[in-house]
Amino acid sequence: MNDTVKRYFSAFNAGDVDTMLDCLSDDVAHHVNEGQIRVGREKFADFCAHMNRCYKEELTDMVVFEAEGGTRAAAEYIVNGTYLETDPGLPEAKGQTYRLPAGSFFDLRDGKITRVTTYYNLADWVKQVSNG
């Protein structure tokens, strides 16, 4: 597995945003699920602060794929989460738990992640937290 991607996901599970940021290039392009592309580490840090306020998540059952040459990678995993604080435009948070398959795609250059694209089924997540 690509060491940078492994370090990134280990930091995610540890709630270590600083280490996640250290894995990223200064000009990282963050393609948010059903959202706008955010460019730069500062915007990624802002996104992480928002996510950590609203959600507590751990990724399990991870499989990482790496393209020959190490310039691209992908990961498939399960998001095990708790909805902590209402995210504007989404259902009310009441501590609901959810389990959701997801994936991330990466571009890498010089040992840094230059693109992160994350995908999960938002309708499935809404259904789970609405029934919680």
C-alpha atoms as a PDB file:
ATOM      1  CA  MET A   1       0.000   0.000   0.000  1.00  0.00           C
ATOM      2  CA  ASN A   2       1.201   3.496  -0.737  1.00  0.00           C
ATOM      3  CA  ASP A   3       2.841   4.797   2.466  1.00  0.00           C
ATOM      4  CA  THR A   4       1.306   8.269   2.092  1.00  0.00           C
ATOM      5  CA  VAL A   5      -2.215   6.895   1.688  1.00  0.00           C
ATOM      6  CA  LYS A   6      -1.681   4.494   4.605  1.00  0.00           C
ATOM      7  CA  ARG A   7      -0.444   7.359   6.790  1.00  0.00           C
ATOM      8  CA  TYR A   8      -3.401   9.548   5.711  1.00  0.00           C
ATOM      9  CA  PHE A   9      -5.987   6.927   6.681  1.00  0.00           C
ATOM     10  CA  SER A  10      -4.217   6.050   9.939  1.00  0.00           C
ATOM     11  CA  ALA A  11      -4.293   9.744  10.834  1.00  0.00           C
ATOM     12  CA  PHE A  12      -7.985   9.950   9.894  1.00  0.00           C
ATOM     13  CA  ASN A  13      -8.850   7.092  12.247  1.00  0.00           C
ATOM     14  CA  ALA A  14      -6.757   8.685  15.004  1.00  0.00           C
ATOM     15  CA  GLY A  15      -8.480  12.060  14.545  1.00  0.00           C
ATOM     16  CA  ASP A  16      -5.040  13.549  13.758  1.00  0.00           C
ATOM     17  CA  VAL A  17      -5.817  16.334  11.286  1.00  0.00           C
ATOM     18  CA  ASP A  18      -2.259  17.733  11.407  1.00  0.00           C
ATOM     19  CA  THR A  19      -0.821  14.461  10.101  1.00  0.00           C
ATOM     20  CA  MET A  20      -3.539  14.265   7.451  1.00  0.00           C
ATOM     21  CA  LEU A  21      -2.589  17.780   6.323  1.00  0.00           C
ATOM     22  CA  ASP A  22       1.083  16.810   6.245  1.00  0.00           C
ATOM     23  CA  CYS A  23       0.206  14.104   3.691  1.00  0.00           C
ATOM     24  CA  LEU A  24      -1.240  16.728   1.310  1.00  0.00           C
ATOM     25  CA  SER A  25       0.407  19.023  -1.217  1.00  0.00           C
ATOM     26  CA  ASP A  26      -0.084  22.759  -0.676  1.00  0.00           C
ATOM     27  CA  ASP A  27      -2.351  22.859  -3.735  1.00  0.00           C
ATOM     28  CA  VAL A  28      -4.360  19.712  -2.974  1.00  0.00           C
ATOM     29  CA  ALA A  29      -7.692  19.506  -4.796  1.00  0.00           C
ATOM     30  CA  HIS A  30     -10.359  18.092  -2.486  1.00  0.00           C
ATOM     31  CA  HIS A  31     -13.366  16.816  -4.430  1.00  0.00           C
ATOM     32  CA  VAL A  32     -16.072  16.568  -1.777  1.00  0.00           C
ATOM     33  CA  ASN A  33     -18.942  14.100  -2.204  1.00  0.00           C
ATOM     34  CA  GLU A  34     -21.798  16.088  -3.788  1.00  0.00           C
ATOM     35  CA  GLY A  35     -19.976  19.352  -3.087  1.00  0.00           C
ATOM     36  CA  GLN A  36     -17.602  21.871  -4.571  1.00  0.00           C
ATOM     37  CA  ILE A  37     -13.904  21.293  -5.234  1.00  0.00           C
ATOM     38  CA  ARG A  38     -11.829  22.911  -2.501  1.00  0.00           C
ATOM     39  CA  VAL A  39      -8.232  23.753  -3.357  1.00  0.00           C
ATOM     40  CA  GLY A  40      -5.471  24.062  -0.766  1.00  0.00           C
ATOM     41  CA  ARG A  41      -4.584  22.668   2.624  1.00  0.00           C
ATOM     42  CA  GLU A  42      -6.306  25.514   4.487  1.00  0.00           C
ATOM     43  CA  LYS A  43      -9.685  24.689   2.929  1.00  0.00           C
ATOM     44  CA  PHE A  44      -9.093  21.009   3.643  1.00  0.00           C
ATOM     45  CA  ALA A  45      -8.360  21.881   7.296  1.00  0.00           C
ATOM     46  CA  ASP A  46     -11.597  23.913   7.485  1.00  0.00           C
ATOM     47  CA  PHE A  47     -13.512  20.936   6.047  1.00  0.00           C
ATOM     48  CA  CYS A  48     -11.947  18.595   8.631  1.00  0.00           C
ATOM     49  CA  ALA A  49     -12.858  20.943  11.496  1.00  0.00           C
ATOM     50  CA  HIS A  50     -16.473  20.997  10.301  1.00  0.00           C
ATOM     51  CA  MET A  51     -16.579  17.214   9.872  1.00  0.00           C
ATOM     52  CA  ASN A  52     -15.041  16.568  13.297  1.00  0.00           C
ATOM     53  CA  ARG A  53     -17.637  18.843  14.904  1.00  0.00           C
ATOM     54  CA  CYS A  54     -20.569  17.074  13.218  1.00  0.00           C
ATOM     55  CA  TYR A  55     -19.357  13.465  12.928  1.00  0.00           C
ATOM     56  CA  LYS A  56     -17.223  10.891  14.714  1.00  0.00           C
ATOM     57  CA  GLU A  57     -16.055   8.320  12.166  1.00  0.00           C
ATOM     58  CA  GLU A  58     -13.794   5.305  11.945  1.00  0.00           C
ATOM     59  CA  LEU A  59     -12.913   3.586   8.685  1.00  0.00           C
ATOM     60  CA  THR A  60     -12.736  -0.220   8.644  1.00  0.00           C
ATOM     61  CA  ASP A  61     -12.525  -3.072   6.133  1.00  0.00           C
ATOM     62  CA  MET A  62     -10.108  -0.987   4.061  1.00  0.00           C
ATOM     63  CA  VAL A  63      -8.683  -2.170   0.768  1.00  0.00           C
ATOM     64  CA  VAL A  64      -6.186   0.134  -0.982  1.00  0.00           C
ATOM     65  CA  PHE A  65      -5.268  -0.143  -4.637  1.00  0.00           C
ATOM     66  CA  GLU A  66      -2.231   1.555  -6.149  1.00  0.00           C
ATOM     67  CA  ALA A  67      -1.499   2.258  -9.791  1.00  0.00           C
ATOM     68  CA  GLU A  68       1.867   1.203 -11.131  1.00  0.00           C
ATOM     69  CA  GLY A  69       4.341   4.004 -10.537  1.00  0.00           C
ATOM     70  CA  GLY A  70       2.566   5.216  -7.388  1.00  0.00           C
ATOM     71  CA  THR A  71       0.958   8.316  -8.917  1.00  0.00           C
ATOM     72  CA  ARG A  72      -2.620   7.212  -8.259  1.00  0.00           C
ATOM     73  CA  ALA A  73      -4.373   5.191  -5.596  1.00  0.00           C
ATOM     74  CA  ALA A  74      -7.886   4.254  -4.539  1.00  0.00           C
ATOM     75  CA  ALA A  75      -9.403   2.879  -1.364  1.00  0.00           C
ATOM     76  CA  GLU A  76     -12.654   1.162  -0.523  1.00  0.00           C
ATOM     77  CA  TYR A  77     -13.828   0.978   3.084  1.00  0.00           C
ATOM     78  CA  ILE A  78     -16.727   1.081   5.524  1.00  0.00           C
ATOM     79  CA  VAL A  79     -17.465   4.312   7.401  1.00  0.00           C
ATOM     80  CA  ASN A  80     -18.660   3.566  10.934  1.00  0.00           C
ATOM     81  CA  GLY A  81     -19.967   6.810  12.323  1.00  0.00           C
ATOM     82  CA  THR A  82     -21.960   8.756  14.850  1.00  0.00           C
ATOM     83  CA  TYR A  83     -23.825  11.913  13.867  1.00  0.00           C
ATOM     84  CA  LEU A  84     -22.907  14.399  16.617  1.00  0.00           C
ATOM     85  CA  GLU A  85     -24.144  17.854  15.575  1.00  0.00           C
ATOM     86  CA  THR A  86     -26.681  18.834  12.924  1.00  0.00           C
ATOM     87  CA  ASP A  87     -25.014  19.609   9.608  1.00  0.00           C
ATOM     88  CA  PRO A  88     -26.928  22.456   7.884  1.00  0.00           C
ATOM     89  CA  GLY A  89     -29.320  21.151   5.246  1.00  0.00           C
ATOM     90  CA  LEU A  90     -29.251  17.597   6.611  1.00  0.00           C
ATOM     91  CA  PRO A  91     -31.461  15.758   9.127  1.00  0.00           C
ATOM     92  CA  GLU A  92     -31.229  16.699  12.808  1.00  0.00           C
ATOM     93  CA  ALA A  93     -28.397  15.042  14.717  1.00  0.00           C
ATOM     94  CA  LYS A  94     -29.402  13.019  17.764  1.00  0.00           C
ATOM     95  CA  GLY A  95     -26.366  10.784  18.159  1.00  0.00           C
ATOM     96  CA  GLN A  96     -27.492   8.397  15.394  1.00  0.00           C
ATOM     97  CA  THR A  97     -25.027   5.783  14.234  1.00  0.00           C
ATOM     98  CA  TYR A  98     -24.473   4.732  10.644  1.00  0.00           C
ATOM     99  CA  ARG A  99     -22.468   2.230   8.633  1.00  0.00           C
ATOM    100  CA  LEU A 100     -21.785   3.192   5.047  1.00  0.00           C
ATOM    101  CA  PRO A 101     -19.613   1.841   2.227  1.00  0.00           C
ATOM    102  CA  ALA A 102     -17.389   4.553   0.733  1.00  0.00           C
ATOM    103  CA  GLY A 103     -14.374   5.103  -1.453  1.00  0.00           C
ATOM    104  CA  SER A 104     -11.585   7.600  -2.026  1.00  0.00           C
ATOM    105  CA  PHE A 105      -9.416   8.274  -5.044  1.00  0.00           C
ATOM    106  CA  PHE A 106      -6.011   9.932  -4.962  1.00  0.00           C
ATOM    107  CA  ASP A 107      -3.425  11.553  -7.204  1.00  0.00           C
ATOM    108  CA  LEU A 108       0.079  11.594  -5.734  1.00  0.00           C
ATOM    109  CA  ARG A 109       3.227  13.547  -6.560  1.00  0.00           C
ATOM    110  CA  ASP A 110       6.561  13.575  -4.715  1.00  0.00           C
ATOM    111  CA  GLY A 111       5.134  11.651  -1.759  1.00  0.00           C
ATOM    112  CA  LYS A 112       2.188  14.020  -1.281  1.00  0.00           C
ATOM    113  CA  ILE A 113      -1.502  13.687  -2.094  1.00  0.00           C
ATOM    114  CA  THR A 114      -2.477  16.229  -4.761  1.00  0.00           C
ATOM    115  CA  ARG A 115      -6.114  15.152  -5.187  1.00  0.00           C
ATOM    116  CA  VAL A 116      -8.606  13.508  -2.841  1.00  0.00           C
ATOM    117  CA  THR A 117     -12.010  12.495  -4.207  1.00  0.00           C
ATOM    118  CA  THR A 118     -14.420  10.857  -1.777  1.00  0.00           C
ATOM    119  CA  TYR A 119     -17.659   9.096  -2.624  1.00  0.00           C
ATOM    120  CA  TYR A 120     -20.466   7.636  -0.518  1.00  0.00           C
ATOM    121  CA  ASN A 121     -24.190   7.239  -1.055  1.00  0.00           C
ATOM    122  CA  LEU A 122     -25.717  10.311   0.599  1.00  0.00           C
ATOM    123  CA  ALA A 123     -29.288   8.981   0.202  1.00  0.00           C
ATOM    124  CA  ASP A 124     -28.299   5.829   2.129  1.00  0.00           C
ATOM    125  CA  TRP A 125     -26.724   7.948   4.888  1.00  0.00           C
ATOM    126  CA  VAL A 126     -29.853  10.164   5.138  1.00  0.00           C
ATOM    127  CA  LYS A 127     -32.055   7.078   5.366  1.00  0.00           C
ATOM    128  CA  GLN A 128     -29.905   5.598   8.148  1.00  0.00           C
ATOM    129  CA  VAL A 129     -29.812   8.756  10.285  1.00  0.00           C
ATOM    130  CA  SER A 130     -33.494   9.510   9.674  1.00  0.00           C
ATOM    131  CA  ASN A 131     -34.415   6.094  11.069  1.00  0.00           C
ATOM    132  CA  GLY A 132     -31.971   6.400  14.005  1.00  0.00           C
END
